[in-house]
Amino acid sequence: MKITCKQQDLSRGLSIVSHAVSSRSTLPILANILLTTEQNYLKLSATNLEIGINCLIDADVSEEGSTTVPAKTFTDLVNSLRQGQVVLSVAEDSHDINVKSTGSNANIKGMDPSEFPLIPSAEGGEEPIVLDASLLKEMISQVVFAAADDDARPVLTGVLVEVQDEKVSFAAADAFRLALRVSPLPGHDATHGSILIPARTLSELARILPSEGAVQIIVTPNRSQVLFHTEQIDLVSRLIEGTFPNIKAAIPKEHTTRAVVETKEFAAAVRTVQPFARDSANITRIKISAGEGTGAGSLTLESTAEDIGNNITTINAAVDGAEQEIIFNVKYLSEVLAILDTPEVALEVISAGRPGVVKPVSPADYTYVIMPMSTNR
């Protein structure tokens, strides 16, 4: 194998596939990156057996071939090289690679590429779902944080993806909250069975996706894996088996009180009470008060730490409905406000013992449900 490519392209490609390199596997080959020539490209591949990532970079291919190299050593070397041309060559009947660039000539011991696990393709898979990369990244960011981070209930560590009625929905939940984002999918009238994608996979995907362009989402024929495909990047992930909780049943269909507040002001108020809430199980009391004028009112947040003190913060709100008081985990409020970029959000409440709902005041179809904490505390 002999190819020439740009240092900056190689460095970028390695940073992408490194998200799938295994650091703790008992299989030494999983700590390596597979290098393969493919037409006028160099294909970089890595897998930890949970996810696999392929990335194509432009290259001048003089001799075709493949090898695998230790990910950390190769990446550290490439990142230290000067910008410009890099020549990679592997002698016939060898797996060792020579890396030559301006002022540097290195040799790295490789391993037999035939030992590298096959990263599945989605050939023959279901009809692709096509989303804009920026929309997909936004949808991921608005739900993944609500997924459970322990494996006690594996289905809750995943994100439920459904396509029906020309809409695609992403939903994640743990025992205390649920996040749902729905987006139009015009022209896509096929109904797909729901799939459960590990939230960790989607977090990695959001980090490596380009900021623009189309992304194809393809489920493999046996419905055990999903492929995300762009012009230069493929990410393959296993799917989670199991039945996700009924989302529709968990979302309140009505409310008795609705308060609309400025998103930044609400987020700032949450930050002021959070230091006190941290020492009292994150308990924060929220009081919604209607004002004398139409739509006038206030939202008051209060947190008390027995050994530290307390904080009461009040912000203006456009309130529709009766006065309400409810207790939320302040962490769950701060996390949702951190990912909403609309000028205003609405907080909808039924009663102290029923779930509350946070929604952006915008055309985006997003719903965040929070279970209340006990009022006996």
Protein backbone atom coordinates (compact mmCIF):
# COMPACT_ATOMS: atom_id res chain seq x y z
CA MET A 1 0.00 0.00 0.00
CA LYS A 2 1.22 3.49 -0.81
CA ILE A 3 -0.85 6.65 -0.58
CA THR A 4 -0.38 10.39 -0.20
CA CYS A 5 -2.81 12.59 1.69
CA LYS A 6 -2.95 15.89 3.57
CA GLN A 7 -1.94 15.92 7.24
CA GLN A 8 -5.01 17.98 8.19
CA ASP A 9 -7.38 15.55 6.42
CA LEU A 10 -5.75 12.55 8.08
CA SER A 11 -5.85 14.23 11.48
CA ARG A 12 -9.54 15.09 11.08
CA GLY A 13 -10.41 11.55 9.99
CA LEU A 14 -8.55 10.04 12.94
CA SER A 15 -10.36 12.33 15.38
CA ILE A 16 -13.67 11.06 13.96
CA VAL A 17 -12.98 7.31 14.08
CA SER A 18 -11.25 7.55 17.47
CA HIS A 19 -14.73 7.80 19.02
CA ALA A 20 -15.13 4.07 18.31
CA VAL A 21 -11.68 2.88 19.41
CA SER A 22 -11.84 0.44 22.31
CA SER A 23 -9.54 1.31 25.22
CA ARG A 24 -10.37 -1.58 27.56
CA SER A 25 -10.95 -4.55 25.31
CA THR A 26 -9.17 -7.86 25.80
CA LEU A 27 -8.83 -8.00 22.00
CA PRO A 28 -5.65 -6.06 21.05
CA ILE A 29 -6.93 -5.52 17.49
CA LEU A 30 -9.72 -3.27 18.82
CA ALA A 31 -7.12 -0.73 19.96
CA ASN A 32 -6.13 -0.39 16.30
CA ILE A 33 -7.47 1.57 13.36
CA LEU A 34 -7.93 -0.18 10.03
CA LEU A 35 -6.50 1.66 7.02
CA THR A 36 -7.82 0.58 3.61
CA THR A 37 -7.52 2.10 0.16
CA GLU A 38 -10.82 2.63 -1.63
CA GLN A 39 -10.68 4.20 -5.10
CA ASN A 40 -9.31 7.73 -4.54
CA TYR A 41 -9.82 7.59 -0.81
CA LEU A 42 -8.19 6.27 2.32
CA LYS A 43 -10.80 4.63 4.53
CA LEU A 44 -10.22 4.74 8.28
CA SER A 45 -12.21 2.28 10.41
CA ALA A 46 -12.54 1.66 14.15
CA THR A 47 -14.90 -0.39 16.30
CA ASN A 48 -15.46 -1.32 19.93
CA LEU A 49 -18.06 -3.95 18.92
CA GLU A 50 -20.84 -1.64 20.17
CA ILE A 51 -20.35 0.95 17.44
CA GLY A 52 -18.21 1.06 14.32
CA ILE A 53 -17.13 4.17 12.41
CA ASN A 54 -15.79 4.47 8.84
CA CYS A 55 -14.40 7.74 7.51
CA LEU A 56 -13.20 8.48 3.98
CA ILE A 57 -10.49 11.05 3.32
CA ASP A 58 -9.14 12.25 -0.01
CA ALA A 59 -5.92 10.50 -1.03
CA ASP A 60 -3.69 9.89 -4.02
CA VAL A 61 -3.52 6.08 -4.13
CA SER A 62 -0.35 4.74 -5.77
CA GLU A 63 -0.66 1.17 -4.49
CA GLU A 64 -3.75 -0.41 -3.01
CA GLY A 65 -3.66 -2.31 0.27
CA SER A 66 -4.57 -2.29 3.95
CA THR A 67 -3.14 -2.60 7.45
CA THR A 68 -4.07 -1.80 11.04
CA VAL A 69 -2.14 0.55 13.31
CA PRO A 70 -2.28 1.31 17.06
CA ALA A 71 -4.82 4.15 17.30
CA LYS A 72 -3.12 6.22 20.00
CA THR A 73 0.42 6.03 18.57
CA PHE A 74 -0.70 6.76 15.01
CA THR A 75 -3.03 9.60 16.02
CA ASP A 76 -0.44 11.24 18.29
CA LEU A 77 2.15 11.04 15.51
CA VAL A 78 -0.13 12.48 12.81
CA ASN A 79 -1.29 15.32 15.08
CA SER A 80 2.36 16.26 15.74
CA LEU A 81 3.29 16.48 12.05
CA ARG A 82 3.48 19.74 10.14
CA GLN A 83 0.65 20.57 7.80
CA GLY A 84 1.29 19.36 4.27
CA GLN A 85 1.62 16.05 2.44
CA VAL A 86 1.94 12.75 4.31
CA VAL A 87 3.05 9.57 2.55
CA LEU A 88 1.86 6.28 4.03
CA SER A 89 3.40 3.07 2.75
CA VAL A 90 3.22 -0.60 3.70
CA ALA A 91 5.65 -3.04 2.16
CA GLU A 92 4.32 -6.19 0.54
CA ASP A 93 4.00 -9.12 2.99
CA SER A 94 4.22 -6.66 5.92
CA HIS A 95 1.74 -4.94 8.22
CA ASP A 96 4.17 -2.26 9.43
CA ILE A 97 3.54 1.25 8.12
CA ASN A 98 6.01 3.95 7.16
CA VAL A 99 4.78 7.51 7.77
CA LYS A 100 6.81 10.16 5.98
CA SER A 101 6.29 13.93 5.95
CA THR A 102 8.33 17.11 6.04
CA GLY A 103 11.13 16.57 8.56
CA SER A 104 9.72 13.27 9.87
CA ASN A 105 10.13 9.61 8.96
CA ALA A 106 8.44 7.10 11.31
CA ASN A 107 7.78 3.37 11.27
CA ILE A 108 4.89 1.86 13.24
CA LYS A 109 4.28 -1.83 13.79
CA GLY A 110 0.85 -2.89 12.54
CA MET A 111 -1.32 -5.99 12.86
CA ASP A 112 -2.91 -8.29 10.29
CA PRO A 113 -6.01 -6.51 8.89
CA SER A 114 -7.76 -9.87 8.51
CA GLU A 115 -8.07 -9.95 12.32
CA PHE A 116 -10.05 -6.70 12.34
CA PRO A 117 -13.80 -7.26 12.97
CA LEU A 118 -16.10 -6.68 10.03
CA ILE A 119 -18.14 -3.49 10.40
CA PRO A 120 -21.60 -4.42 9.02
CA SER A 121 -23.12 -2.56 6.11
CA ALA A 122 -26.81 -1.83 5.67
CA GLU A 123 -26.94 -3.37 2.21
CA GLY A 124 -30.46 -4.64 1.60
CA GLY A 125 -31.72 -2.72 4.63
CA GLU A 126 -34.96 -0.80 5.05
CA GLU A 127 -35.81 2.34 3.10
CA PRO A 128 -33.49 5.10 4.35
CA ILE A 129 -34.79 7.91 6.53
CA VAL A 130 -33.09 11.11 5.34
CA LEU A 131 -32.57 14.04 7.72
CA ASP A 132 -30.55 17.22 7.52
CA ALA A 133 -27.42 16.87 9.66
CA SER A 134 -28.09 20.06 11.63
CA LEU A 135 -31.66 18.94 12.41
CA LEU A 136 -30.49 15.49 13.48
CA LYS A 137 -27.86 16.98 15.80
CA GLU A 138 -30.50 19.27 17.31
CA MET A 139 -32.97 16.43 17.85
CA ILE A 140 -30.28 14.30 19.48
CA SER A 141 -29.21 17.11 21.84
CA GLN A 142 -32.82 17.67 22.93
CA VAL A 143 -33.43 14.08 24.07
CA VAL A 144 -30.24 12.13 24.92
CA PHE A 145 -29.70 13.82 28.29
CA ALA A 146 -33.04 12.42 29.50
CA ALA A 147 -32.02 8.79 28.94
CA ALA A 148 -31.04 6.68 31.95
CA ASP A 149 -27.28 6.31 32.47
CA ASP A 150 -27.35 3.00 34.33
CA ASP A 151 -28.13 -0.43 32.94
CA ALA A 152 -30.74 -1.48 35.50
CA ARG A 153 -33.38 -1.11 32.77
CA PRO A 154 -31.53 -1.34 29.44
CA VAL A 155 -34.45 0.02 27.37
CA LEU A 156 -34.22 3.32 29.26
CA THR A 157 -30.60 3.80 28.18
CA GLY A 158 -31.83 4.10 24.60
CA VAL A 159 -33.60 6.64 22.42
CA LEU A 160 -36.82 5.49 20.76
CA VAL A 161 -36.97 6.47 17.08
CA GLU A 162 -40.28 6.15 15.24
CA VAL A 163 -41.40 7.13 11.74
CA GLN A 164 -45.06 7.39 10.84
CA ASP A 165 -47.52 9.84 9.24
CA GLU A 166 -44.65 11.73 7.57
CA LYS A 167 -43.08 12.50 10.94
CA VAL A 168 -40.00 11.25 12.76
CA SER A 169 -39.84 11.27 16.55
CA PHE A 170 -36.98 10.84 19.02
CA ALA A 171 -37.86 10.06 22.65
CA ALA A 172 -35.81 9.32 25.77
CA ALA A 173 -36.86 8.75 29.37
CA ASP A 174 -35.71 7.61 32.76
CA ALA A 175 -37.95 7.01 35.77
CA PHE A 176 -38.36 10.75 36.45
CA ARG A 177 -38.62 12.56 33.11
CA LEU A 178 -39.27 12.20 29.40
CA ALA A 179 -38.08 14.20 26.39
CA LEU A 180 -39.83 13.98 23.02
CA ARG A 181 -38.90 15.76 19.80
CA VAL A 182 -40.99 15.37 16.64
CA SER A 183 -40.06 16.70 13.21
CA PRO A 184 -41.87 16.64 9.86
CA LEU A 185 -40.61 14.16 7.28
CA PRO A 186 -42.44 15.34 4.15
CA GLY A 187 -42.71 12.84 1.34
CA HIS A 188 -41.73 9.90 3.52
CA ASP A 189 -44.99 8.00 3.80
CA ALA A 190 -43.47 4.63 4.74
CA THR A 191 -44.12 3.55 8.32
CA HIS A 192 -41.10 1.95 9.99
CA GLY A 193 -41.18 -0.20 13.09
CA SER A 194 -39.75 1.63 16.09
CA ILE A 195 -36.07 1.14 16.97
CA LEU A 196 -34.14 1.72 20.19
CA ILE A 197 -30.71 3.31 19.66
CA PRO A 198 -28.28 3.53 22.60
CA ALA A 199 -28.15 7.14 23.82
CA ARG A 200 -24.35 6.90 24.03
CA THR A 201 -24.25 6.07 20.32
CA LEU A 202 -26.28 9.15 19.42
CA SER A 203 -24.09 11.36 21.63
CA GLU A 204 -21.01 10.13 19.71
CA LEU A 205 -22.83 10.59 16.40
CA ALA A 206 -23.69 14.21 17.20
CA ARG A 207 -20.01 14.91 17.90
CA ILE A 208 -18.77 13.63 14.54
CA LEU A 209 -21.56 14.68 12.17
CA PRO A 210 -20.84 17.56 9.79
CA SER A 211 -22.80 20.76 10.41
CA GLU A 212 -24.63 20.45 7.09
CA GLY A 213 -25.59 17.90 4.46
CA ALA A 214 -27.90 14.90 4.43
CA VAL A 215 -27.73 11.93 6.77
CA GLN A 216 -29.29 8.59 5.84
CA ILE A 217 -30.57 6.41 8.67
CA ILE A 218 -30.81 2.77 7.56
CA VAL A 219 -31.86 -0.23 9.64
CA THR A 220 -30.14 -3.50 8.73
CA PRO A 221 -32.28 -6.33 7.31
CA ASN A 222 -32.27 -8.27 10.60
CA ARG A 223 -33.19 -5.07 12.51
CA SER A 224 -30.34 -5.60 14.97
CA GLN A 225 -28.23 -2.63 13.87
CA VAL A 226 -28.61 0.87 12.45
CA LEU A 227 -26.35 2.73 10.03
CA PHE A 228 -25.94 6.51 9.82
CA HIS A 229 -24.48 7.43 6.44
CA THR A 230 -23.07 10.72 5.13
CA GLU A 231 -20.81 11.40 2.15
CA GLN A 232 -17.66 10.69 4.15
CA ILE A 233 -18.76 9.11 7.43
CA ASP A 234 -20.57 5.90 8.36
CA LEU A 235 -21.49 5.01 11.92
CA VAL A 236 -22.95 1.58 12.66
CA SER A 237 -24.48 0.73 16.03
CA ARG A 238 -26.23 -2.19 17.62
CA LEU A 239 -29.86 -1.66 18.59
CA ILE A 240 -31.35 -2.31 22.04
CA GLU A 241 -33.91 -5.08 22.33
CA GLY A 242 -36.98 -4.56 24.46
CA THR A 243 -40.18 -2.54 24.74
CA PHE A 244 -40.00 1.17 25.48
CA PRO A 245 -42.61 2.65 27.87
CA ASN A 246 -45.79 4.10 26.34
CA ILE A 247 -44.85 7.71 25.59
CA LYS A 248 -48.35 8.94 24.84
CA ALA A 249 -49.63 7.70 28.19
CA ALA A 250 -46.86 9.56 30.04
CA ILE A 251 -47.52 12.99 28.49
CA PRO A 252 -50.26 15.04 30.19
CA LYS A 253 -53.01 15.92 27.74
CA GLU A 254 -54.17 19.03 29.61
CA HIS A 255 -53.07 21.61 32.17
CA THR A 256 -54.76 23.92 34.63
CA THR A 257 -52.00 26.55 34.77
CA ARG A 258 -49.54 27.76 32.14
CA ALA A 259 -46.67 30.16 32.75
CA VAL A 260 -44.65 31.62 29.86
CA VAL A 261 -41.23 32.99 30.82
CA GLU A 262 -38.07 34.15 29.08
CA THR A 263 -35.79 31.14 28.63
CA LYS A 264 -32.57 32.90 29.65
CA GLU A 265 -34.23 34.47 32.69
CA PHE A 266 -35.66 31.11 33.80
CA ALA A 267 -32.25 29.43 33.32
CA ALA A 268 -30.55 32.18 35.34
CA ALA A 269 -33.11 31.79 38.15
CA VAL A 270 -32.48 28.04 38.23
CA ARG A 271 -28.72 28.67 38.52
CA THR A 272 -29.23 30.95 41.54
CA VAL A 273 -31.15 28.33 43.54
CA GLN A 274 -29.11 25.33 42.41
CA PRO A 275 -26.25 25.68 44.96
CA PHE A 276 -28.80 25.43 47.80
CA ALA A 277 -30.80 22.65 46.15
CA ARG A 278 -27.72 20.47 45.72
CA ASP A 279 -27.50 19.88 49.49
CA SER A 280 -31.18 18.98 49.80
CA ALA A 281 -31.72 16.26 47.17
CA ASN A 282 -32.06 18.96 44.44
CA ILE A 283 -35.47 19.96 45.82
CA THR A 284 -36.78 23.22 44.40
CA ARG A 285 -40.24 24.61 45.09
CA ILE A 286 -41.84 26.46 42.22
CA LYS A 287 -44.76 28.79 42.81
CA ILE A 288 -46.77 30.10 39.88
CA SER A 289 -48.75 33.22 40.75
CA ALA A 290 -51.23 35.04 38.56
CA GLY A 291 -51.06 38.84 38.53
CA GLU A 292 -53.87 41.35 38.48
CA GLY A 293 -53.60 42.12 34.77
CA THR A 294 -54.36 39.72 31.95
CA GLY A 295 -51.41 37.38 31.45
CA ALA A 296 -49.39 39.07 34.20
CA GLY A 297 -47.85 37.03 36.98
CA SER A 298 -44.66 35.59 38.40
CA LEU A 299 -42.67 32.41 38.83
CA THR A 300 -40.90 31.95 42.16
CA LEU A 301 -38.18 29.35 42.77
CA GLU A 302 -37.10 28.45 46.30
CA SER A 303 -34.39 26.08 47.52
CA THR A 304 -33.29 25.52 51.12
CA ALA A 305 -30.21 23.74 52.46
CA GLU A 306 -30.50 23.20 56.21
CA ASP A 307 -26.81 23.76 56.95
CA ILE A 308 -26.18 26.48 54.37
CA GLY A 309 -29.19 28.71 53.91
CA ASN A 310 -31.79 29.37 51.25
CA ASN A 311 -32.48 31.31 48.09
CA ILE A 312 -35.75 32.66 46.73
CA THR A 313 -35.75 34.01 43.17
CA THR A 314 -38.75 35.52 41.38
CA ILE A 315 -39.11 36.26 37.68
CA ASN A 316 -41.91 37.73 35.59
CA ALA A 317 -44.26 35.32 33.85
CA ALA A 318 -47.33 35.48 31.66
CA VAL A 319 -49.64 33.23 33.68
CA ASP A 320 -52.87 31.68 32.51
CA GLY A 321 -54.75 29.74 35.20
CA ALA A 322 -54.91 29.35 38.97
CA GLU A 323 -52.02 29.70 41.41
CA GLN A 324 -49.94 26.51 41.70
CA GLU A 325 -47.07 25.20 43.77
CA ILE A 326 -45.02 22.17 42.74
CA ILE A 327 -41.64 20.64 43.64
CA PHE A 328 -39.16 19.66 40.93
CA ASN A 329 -35.63 18.28 40.85
CA VAL A 330 -33.70 21.41 39.88
CA LYS A 331 -31.16 19.37 37.89
CA TYR A 332 -33.90 18.24 35.52
CA LEU A 333 -34.94 21.86 34.95
CA SER A 334 -31.40 23.13 34.36
CA GLU A 335 -30.65 20.40 31.82
CA VAL A 336 -33.65 21.11 29.63
CA LEU A 337 -33.19 24.89 29.75
CA ALA A 338 -29.58 24.41 28.64
CA ILE A 339 -30.62 22.86 25.31
CA LEU A 340 -33.56 25.13 24.42
CA ASP A 341 -32.62 28.19 22.37
CA THR A 342 -36.06 29.74 21.90
CA PRO A 343 -36.63 33.18 23.50
CA GLU A 344 -39.50 31.87 25.64
CA VAL A 345 -40.57 28.60 27.24
CA ALA A 346 -43.83 27.52 28.80
CA LEU A 347 -44.26 25.59 32.06
CA GLU A 348 -47.57 23.73 32.23
CA VAL A 349 -48.89 22.30 35.50
CA ILE A 350 -51.99 20.36 36.56
CA SER A 351 -51.41 19.95 40.30
CA ALA A 352 -48.63 19.38 42.86
CA GLY A 353 -48.85 15.62 42.47
CA ARG A 354 -49.02 15.42 38.66
CA PRO A 355 -46.17 15.72 36.11
CA GLY A 356 -45.27 19.15 34.80
CA VAL A 357 -44.39 19.96 31.18
CA VAL A 358 -41.78 22.31 29.73
CA LYS A 359 -42.25 23.37 26.09
CA PRO A 360 -40.47 25.93 23.91
CA VAL A 361 -42.72 28.70 22.67
CA SER A 362 -41.91 28.06 19.01
CA PRO A 363 -43.01 26.01 16.01
CA ALA A 364 -40.66 23.17 17.09
CA ASP A 365 -42.60 20.18 18.38
CA TYR A 366 -40.81 19.46 21.66
CA THR A 367 -42.17 18.20 24.96
CA TYR A 368 -40.31 17.64 28.23
CA VAL A 369 -42.17 15.97 31.09
CA ILE A 370 -40.89 16.11 34.70
CA MET A 371 -42.27 14.07 37.57
CA PRO A 372 -42.84 16.13 40.72
CA MET A 373 -41.01 15.40 43.97
CA SER A 374 -42.87 14.62 47.15
CA THR A 375 -44.44 17.60 48.91
CA ASN A 376 -43.85 15.88 52.26
CA ARG A 377 -40.14 16.62 52.14
